[in-house]
Amino acid sequence: MSVVKSKRGEGKLVVITKARELAEYTLRICANENNFPKRYRWCLTNKIVDSAMTIHNSANMANSVYIYDDNDFALRKRYQTIALAETYALLGMIDIAFKVYGLKADRVEYWTRLCMDVQALLRNWRKADKDNYEKSKQQ
């Protein structure tokens, strides 16, 4: 039996999928010479791609850490925090690229929304981990 779409919850780690989507979209938009001419790749697009890949990789690394003790919790939280901080850096670079390279507004809007979705999911994941860890320590 299926659940009505409006009553469905979010999957446990949609953030991993969204981070991958963000990395893929970033790679596609940065590789397109209509968006970023080749001669400018070294100055901004490499940094943008690195940022998107850091978000993706950090989210995956956080997901690979199972929490058994305080050290595991701290490590997982660190990776989540790195991914979250990197989303802010990426948003700043997207804004600069929009203003300097005149990217199409609809592309930038989608890209920004995707990045902000990842931000929200990372924040929620980090909070859920904290709540679950505190609960487990009380037991």
N, C-alpha and C. Protein backbone atom coordinates (compact mmCIF):
# COMPACT_ATOMS: atom_id res chain seq x y z
N MET A 1 0.84 -1.17 0.00
CA MET A 1 0.00 0.00 0.00
C MET A 1 0.90 1.24 0.00
N SER A 2 0.58 2.19 -0.84
CA SER A 2 1.41 3.38 -0.91
C SER A 2 0.86 4.48 -0.01
N VAL A 3 1.74 5.40 0.32
CA VAL A 3 1.39 6.51 1.20
C VAL A 3 1.11 7.72 0.33
N VAL A 4 0.08 8.46 0.68
CA VAL A 4 -0.27 9.68 -0.04
C VAL A 4 0.94 10.61 -0.01
N LYS A 5 1.24 11.23 -1.15
CA LYS A 5 2.45 12.04 -1.28
C LYS A 5 2.55 13.12 -0.21
N SER A 6 1.43 13.78 0.12
CA SER A 6 1.46 14.86 1.10
C SER A 6 1.76 14.35 2.51
N LYS A 7 1.58 13.03 2.75
CA LYS A 7 1.82 12.47 4.08
C LYS A 7 3.16 11.75 4.18
N ARG A 8 3.89 11.72 3.08
CA ARG A 8 5.20 11.06 3.09
C ARG A 8 6.21 11.94 3.81
N GLY A 9 7.10 11.28 4.52
CA GLY A 9 8.20 11.99 5.16
C GLY A 9 9.40 11.97 4.21
N GLU A 10 10.40 12.74 4.55
CA GLU A 10 11.62 12.73 3.76
C GLU A 10 12.41 11.50 4.11
N GLY A 11 13.09 10.95 3.13
CA GLY A 11 13.96 9.82 3.39
C GLY A 11 15.04 10.21 4.38
N LYS A 12 15.60 9.23 5.02
CA LYS A 12 16.59 9.51 6.06
C LYS A 12 17.75 10.37 5.56
N LEU A 13 18.29 10.03 4.42
CA LEU A 13 19.43 10.79 3.96
C LEU A 13 19.27 11.29 2.53
N VAL A 14 18.25 12.08 2.34
CA VAL A 14 18.05 12.74 1.06
C VAL A 14 19.22 13.70 0.80
N VAL A 15 19.87 14.13 1.88
CA VAL A 15 20.97 15.07 1.75
C VAL A 15 22.10 14.50 0.88
N ILE A 16 22.33 13.20 0.93
CA ILE A 16 23.39 12.59 0.12
C ILE A 16 23.02 12.70 -1.36
N THR A 17 21.76 12.41 -1.67
CA THR A 17 21.29 12.50 -3.05
C THR A 17 21.32 13.94 -3.54
N LYS A 18 20.86 14.87 -2.70
CA LYS A 18 20.84 16.29 -3.09
C LYS A 18 22.26 16.83 -3.26
N ALA A 19 23.18 16.41 -2.41
CA ALA A 19 24.57 16.86 -2.53
C ALA A 19 25.16 16.34 -3.84
N ARG A 20 24.81 15.12 -4.22
CA ARG A 20 25.28 14.58 -5.50
C ARG A 20 24.68 15.38 -6.66
N GLU A 21 23.37 15.69 -6.58
CA GLU A 21 22.72 16.50 -7.62
C GLU A 21 23.40 17.85 -7.74
N LEU A 22 23.72 18.46 -6.60
CA LEU A 22 24.40 19.76 -6.61
C LEU A 22 25.76 19.65 -7.29
N ALA A 23 26.52 18.63 -6.97
CA ALA A 23 27.84 18.43 -7.59
C ALA A 23 27.71 18.21 -9.09
N GLU A 24 26.75 17.37 -9.49
CA GLU A 24 26.54 17.10 -10.92
C GLU A 24 26.14 18.36 -11.67
N TYR A 25 25.19 19.11 -11.12
CA TYR A 25 24.73 20.33 -11.79
C TYR A 25 25.87 21.34 -11.89
N THR A 26 26.64 21.45 -10.81
CA THR A 26 27.77 22.38 -10.79
C THR A 26 28.79 22.01 -11.87
N LEU A 27 29.09 20.73 -11.98
CA LEU A 27 30.02 20.28 -13.02
C LEU A 27 29.50 20.61 -14.41
N ARG A 28 28.22 20.36 -14.63
CA ARG A 28 27.63 20.63 -15.96
C ARG A 28 27.66 22.12 -16.29
N ILE A 29 27.25 22.94 -15.35
CA ILE A 29 27.16 24.38 -15.63
C ILE A 29 28.56 24.99 -15.80
N CYS A 30 29.53 24.49 -15.04
CA CYS A 30 30.89 25.03 -15.14
C CYS A 30 31.63 24.53 -16.37
N ALA A 31 31.27 23.38 -16.87
CA ALA A 31 31.92 22.83 -18.07
C ALA A 31 31.37 23.44 -19.36
N ASN A 32 30.23 24.09 -19.27
CA ASN A 32 29.59 24.68 -20.44
C ASN A 32 30.29 25.99 -20.80
N GLU A 33 30.90 26.03 -21.97
CA GLU A 33 31.62 27.22 -22.40
C GLU A 33 30.71 28.42 -22.65
N ASN A 34 29.43 28.19 -22.83
CA ASN A 34 28.50 29.31 -22.97
C ASN A 34 28.32 30.03 -21.63
N ASN A 35 28.53 29.32 -20.54
CA ASN A 35 28.43 29.93 -19.21
C ASN A 35 29.75 30.52 -18.75
N PHE A 36 30.80 29.73 -18.89
CA PHE A 36 32.13 30.14 -18.44
C PHE A 36 33.13 29.88 -19.57
N PRO A 37 33.60 30.93 -20.23
CA PRO A 37 34.59 30.75 -21.28
C PRO A 37 35.85 30.04 -20.74
N LYS A 38 36.48 29.23 -21.57
CA LYS A 38 37.63 28.43 -21.15
C LYS A 38 38.74 29.27 -20.52
N ARG A 39 38.96 30.44 -21.06
CA ARG A 39 40.07 31.26 -20.58
C ARG A 39 39.88 31.73 -19.13
N TYR A 40 38.63 31.61 -18.61
CA TYR A 40 38.35 32.04 -17.23
C TYR A 40 38.20 30.86 -16.27
N ARG A 41 38.36 29.65 -16.76
CA ARG A 41 38.13 28.47 -15.91
C ARG A 41 39.03 28.45 -14.68
N TRP A 42 40.26 28.83 -14.85
CA TRP A 42 41.22 28.72 -13.76
C TRP A 42 40.90 29.66 -12.61
N CYS A 43 40.24 30.79 -12.88
CA CYS A 43 40.09 31.79 -11.82
C CYS A 43 38.87 31.57 -10.92
N LEU A 44 37.79 31.02 -11.43
CA LEU A 44 36.62 30.85 -10.57
C LEU A 44 35.99 29.47 -10.68
N THR A 45 35.87 28.95 -11.87
CA THR A 45 35.12 27.69 -12.01
C THR A 45 35.78 26.53 -11.28
N ASN A 46 37.11 26.49 -11.25
CA ASN A 46 37.77 25.41 -10.51
C ASN A 46 37.41 25.48 -9.02
N LYS A 47 37.35 26.69 -8.50
CA LYS A 47 37.00 26.86 -7.08
C LYS A 47 35.53 26.47 -6.83
N ILE A 48 34.67 26.81 -7.77
CA ILE A 48 33.25 26.45 -7.64
C ILE A 48 33.08 24.93 -7.66
N VAL A 49 33.73 24.28 -8.59
CA VAL A 49 33.64 22.82 -8.69
C VAL A 49 34.24 22.17 -7.44
N ASP A 50 35.38 22.66 -6.99
CA ASP A 50 36.00 22.12 -5.77
C ASP A 50 35.06 22.24 -4.58
N SER A 51 34.38 23.37 -4.49
CA SER A 51 33.45 23.61 -3.39
C SER A 51 32.29 22.62 -3.43
N ALA A 52 31.71 22.43 -4.61
CA ALA A 52 30.59 21.48 -4.75
C ALA A 52 31.04 20.06 -4.45
N MET A 53 32.24 19.71 -4.86
CA MET A 53 32.76 18.37 -4.59
C MET A 53 33.07 18.19 -3.11
N THR A 54 33.52 19.24 -2.45
CA THR A 54 33.76 19.18 -1.00
C THR A 54 32.46 18.94 -0.25
N ILE A 55 31.40 19.59 -0.68
CA ILE A 55 30.08 19.38 -0.06
C ILE A 55 29.68 17.91 -0.21
N HIS A 56 29.78 17.42 -1.42
CA HIS A 56 29.40 16.03 -1.71
C HIS A 56 30.27 15.04 -0.92
N ASN A 57 31.58 15.23 -0.97
CA ASN A 57 32.49 14.31 -0.29
C ASN A 57 32.34 14.37 1.23
N SER A 58 32.18 15.55 1.78
CA SER A 58 32.03 15.69 3.23
C SER A 58 30.73 15.05 3.72
N ALA A 59 29.66 15.21 2.96
CA ALA A 59 28.39 14.57 3.33
C ALA A 59 28.54 13.05 3.30
N ASN A 60 29.22 12.54 2.29
CA ASN A 60 29.45 11.10 2.22
C ASN A 60 30.35 10.60 3.35
N MET A 61 31.37 11.37 3.68
CA MET A 61 32.25 10.97 4.77
C MET A 61 31.50 10.98 6.10
N ALA A 62 30.66 12.00 6.31
CA ALA A 62 29.86 12.05 7.53
C ALA A 62 28.94 10.84 7.60
N ASN A 63 28.36 10.48 6.49
CA ASN A 63 27.45 9.34 6.45
C ASN A 63 28.17 8.02 6.74
N SER A 64 29.46 7.97 6.46
CA SER A 64 30.21 6.72 6.66
C SER A 64 30.63 6.52 8.12
N VAL A 65 30.51 7.56 8.93
CA VAL A 65 30.91 7.46 10.34
C VAL A 65 29.70 7.04 11.17
N TYR A 66 29.80 5.86 11.77
CA TYR A 66 28.75 5.39 12.67
C TYR A 66 29.09 5.81 14.08
N ILE A 67 28.11 6.30 14.79
CA ILE A 67 28.35 6.88 16.11
C ILE A 67 28.28 5.80 17.18
N TYR A 68 29.44 5.54 17.78
CA TYR A 68 29.52 4.61 18.91
C TYR A 68 29.98 5.32 20.17
N ASP A 69 30.69 6.43 20.00
CA ASP A 69 31.20 7.14 21.17
C ASP A 69 31.34 8.63 20.84
N ASP A 70 31.86 9.38 21.79
CA ASP A 70 32.01 10.83 21.62
C ASP A 70 32.90 11.20 20.44
N ASN A 71 33.96 10.43 20.22
CA ASN A 71 34.87 10.72 19.11
C ASN A 71 34.18 10.55 17.76
N ASP A 72 33.38 9.49 17.64
CA ASP A 72 32.64 9.27 16.39
C ASP A 72 31.64 10.39 16.16
N PHE A 73 30.94 10.78 17.21
CA PHE A 73 29.97 11.87 17.09
C PHE A 73 30.66 13.16 16.65
N ALA A 74 31.80 13.46 17.26
CA ALA A 74 32.54 14.68 16.92
C ALA A 74 33.04 14.65 15.48
N LEU A 75 33.53 13.48 15.04
CA LEU A 75 34.02 13.37 13.66
C LEU A 75 32.88 13.54 12.66
N ARG A 76 31.78 12.86 12.91
CA ARG A 76 30.63 12.97 12.01
C ARG A 76 30.12 14.41 11.95
N LYS A 77 30.03 15.04 13.11
CA LYS A 77 29.56 16.44 13.17
C LYS A 77 30.54 17.35 12.43
N ARG A 78 31.83 17.07 12.54
CA ARG A 78 32.84 17.88 11.84
C ARG A 78 32.63 17.82 10.33
N TYR A 79 32.43 16.61 9.79
CA TYR A 79 32.20 16.48 8.35
C TYR A 79 30.91 17.19 7.93
N GLN A 80 29.88 17.06 8.74
CA GLN A 80 28.62 17.75 8.44
C GLN A 80 28.83 19.26 8.45
N THR A 81 29.60 19.75 9.40
CA THR A 81 29.86 21.19 9.52
C THR A 81 30.69 21.70 8.35
N ILE A 82 31.67 20.91 7.92
CA ILE A 82 32.47 21.29 6.75
C ILE A 82 31.57 21.40 5.52
N ALA A 83 30.70 20.41 5.32
CA ALA A 83 29.79 20.44 4.18
C ALA A 83 28.87 21.66 4.25
N LEU A 84 28.35 21.93 5.43
CA LEU A 84 27.45 23.08 5.60
C LEU A 84 28.18 24.39 5.34
N ALA A 85 29.36 24.55 5.90
CA ALA A 85 30.13 25.78 5.69
C ALA A 85 30.46 25.97 4.22
N GLU A 86 30.75 24.88 3.55
CA GLU A 86 31.10 24.96 2.12
C GLU A 86 29.91 25.39 1.28
N THR A 87 28.67 25.09 1.72
CA THR A 87 27.51 25.55 0.96
C THR A 87 27.44 27.07 0.96
N TYR A 88 27.83 27.69 2.08
CA TYR A 88 27.84 29.16 2.13
C TYR A 88 28.89 29.73 1.19
N ALA A 89 30.06 29.09 1.14
CA ALA A 89 31.11 29.53 0.22
C ALA A 89 30.63 29.39 -1.23
N LEU A 90 29.99 28.27 -1.52
CA LEU A 90 29.50 28.04 -2.89
C LEU A 90 28.45 29.08 -3.27
N LEU A 91 27.54 29.39 -2.37
CA LEU A 91 26.53 30.42 -2.67
C LEU A 91 27.19 31.76 -2.99
N GLY A 92 28.23 32.10 -2.25
CA GLY A 92 28.94 33.35 -2.53
C GLY A 92 29.58 33.35 -3.91
N MET A 93 30.17 32.23 -4.29
CA MET A 93 30.81 32.14 -5.60
C MET A 93 29.78 32.12 -6.73
N ILE A 94 28.63 31.50 -6.49
CA ILE A 94 27.56 31.51 -7.48
C ILE A 94 27.11 32.94 -7.73
N ASP A 95 26.98 33.71 -6.65
CA ASP A 95 26.57 35.11 -6.77
C ASP A 95 27.60 35.91 -7.57
N ILE A 96 28.87 35.70 -7.30
CA ILE A 96 29.92 36.40 -8.04
C ILE A 96 29.87 36.01 -9.52
N ALA A 97 29.73 34.71 -9.78
CA ALA A 97 29.67 34.23 -11.18
C ALA A 97 28.48 34.84 -11.91
N PHE A 98 27.36 34.94 -11.22
CA PHE A 98 26.16 35.53 -11.82
C PHE A 98 26.42 36.98 -12.22
N LYS A 99 27.06 37.73 -11.35
CA LYS A 99 27.30 39.14 -11.62
C LYS A 99 28.41 39.37 -12.65
N VAL A 100 29.46 38.56 -12.56
CA VAL A 100 30.62 38.78 -13.45
C VAL A 100 30.40 38.17 -14.84
N TYR A 101 29.84 36.96 -14.90
CA TYR A 101 29.72 36.26 -16.17
C TYR A 101 28.34 36.37 -16.80
N GLY A 102 27.40 37.01 -16.11
CA GLY A 102 26.07 37.20 -16.67
C GLY A 102 25.34 35.90 -16.95
N LEU A 103 25.44 34.96 -16.03
CA LEU A 103 24.73 33.69 -16.19
C LEU A 103 23.23 33.94 -16.23
N LYS A 104 22.51 33.06 -16.88
CA LYS A 104 21.06 33.21 -16.97
C LYS A 104 20.44 33.08 -15.58
N ALA A 105 19.49 33.96 -15.31
CA ALA A 105 18.88 34.04 -13.98
C ALA A 105 18.19 32.73 -13.59
N ASP A 106 17.53 32.06 -14.55
CA ASP A 106 16.83 30.83 -14.20
C ASP A 106 17.80 29.72 -13.80
N ARG A 107 18.97 29.67 -14.43
CA ARG A 107 19.98 28.68 -14.05
C ARG A 107 20.53 28.96 -12.67
N VAL A 108 20.82 30.23 -12.42
CA VAL A 108 21.35 30.61 -11.12
C VAL A 108 20.31 30.39 -10.03
N GLU A 109 19.05 30.66 -10.34
CA GLU A 109 17.98 30.44 -9.36
C GLU A 109 17.88 28.96 -9.00
N TYR A 110 17.91 28.08 -10.00
CA TYR A 110 17.85 26.64 -9.74
C TYR A 110 19.07 26.19 -8.93
N TRP A 111 20.24 26.65 -9.34
CA TRP A 111 21.50 26.29 -8.70
C TRP A 111 21.49 26.73 -7.23
N THR A 112 21.06 27.97 -7.00
CA THR A 112 20.99 28.51 -5.65
C THR A 112 19.98 27.72 -4.80
N ARG A 113 18.83 27.41 -5.37
CA ARG A 113 17.81 26.66 -4.65
C ARG A 113 18.34 25.27 -4.27
N LEU A 114 19.04 24.65 -5.19
CA LEU A 114 19.62 23.34 -4.94
C LEU A 114 20.62 23.41 -3.78
N CYS A 115 21.45 24.43 -3.78
CA CYS A 115 22.44 24.62 -2.73
C CYS A 115 21.76 24.89 -1.38
N MET A 116 20.73 25.70 -1.40
CA MET A 116 20.01 26.02 -0.15
C MET A 116 19.24 24.80 0.37
N ASP A 117 18.76 23.95 -0.52
CA ASP A 117 18.13 22.70 -0.11
C ASP A 117 19.13 21.82 0.62
N VAL A 118 20.34 21.73 0.08
CA VAL A 118 21.39 20.94 0.71
C VAL A 118 21.72 21.53 2.08
N GLN A 119 21.79 22.85 2.16
CA GLN A 119 22.04 23.51 3.45
C GLN A 119 21.01 23.10 4.49
N ALA A 120 19.74 23.23 4.14
CA ALA A 120 18.67 22.90 5.08
C ALA A 120 18.73 21.44 5.50
N LEU A 121 18.98 20.56 4.54
CA LEU A 121 19.06 19.13 4.85
C LEU A 121 20.25 18.83 5.77
N LEU A 122 21.38 19.48 5.53
CA LEU A 122 22.55 19.29 6.40
C LEU A 122 22.26 19.78 7.81
N ARG A 123 21.64 20.94 7.93
CA ARG A 123 21.28 21.46 9.26
C ARG A 123 20.37 20.50 10.00
N ASN A 124 19.34 20.00 9.30
CA ASN A 124 18.40 19.07 9.92
C ASN A 124 19.07 17.76 10.31
N TRP A 125 19.95 17.27 9.46
CA TRP A 125 20.67 16.04 9.74
C TRP A 125 21.55 16.19 10.98
N ARG A 126 22.27 17.30 11.03
CA ARG A 126 23.15 17.56 12.17
C ARG A 126 22.36 17.66 13.46
N LYS A 127 21.22 18.34 13.40
CA LYS A 127 20.36 18.48 14.59
C LYS A 127 19.79 17.13 15.01
N ALA A 128 19.35 16.33 14.03
CA ALA A 128 18.79 15.01 14.35
C ALA A 128 19.87 14.12 14.98
N ASP A 129 21.09 14.17 14.46
CA ASP A 129 22.18 13.40 15.05
C ASP A 129 22.42 13.83 16.49
N LYS A 130 22.44 15.13 16.72
CA LYS A 130 22.67 15.64 18.07
C LYS A 130 21.57 15.17 19.01
N ASP A 131 20.32 15.31 18.58
CA ASP A 131 19.19 14.88 19.42
C ASP A 131 19.27 13.38 19.72
N ASN A 132 19.53 12.59 18.70
CA ASN A 132 19.63 11.13 18.88
C ASN A 132 20.79 10.75 19.78
N TYR A 133 21.92 11.44 19.64
CA TYR A 133 23.07 11.12 20.46
C TYR A 133 22.82 11.48 21.92
N GLU A 134 22.23 12.64 22.15
CA GLU A 134 21.90 13.05 23.53
C GLU A 134 20.90 12.07 24.16
N LYS A 135 19.94 11.63 23.36
CA LYS A 135 18.95 10.66 23.84
C LYS A 135 19.62 9.35 24.22
N SER A 136 20.55 8.89 23.38
CA SER A 136 21.23 7.62 23.63
C SER A 136 22.13 7.68 24.86
N LYS A 137 22.67 8.86 25.13
CA LYS A 137 23.54 9.02 26.31
C LYS A 137 22.73 9.02 27.61
N GLN A 138 21.45 9.42 27.52
CA GLN A 138 20.59 9.45 28.70
C GLN A 138 20.12 8.07 29.10
N GLN A 139 20.13 7.16 28.16
CA GLN A 139 19.63 5.81 28.44
C GLN A 139 20.61 4.95 29.14
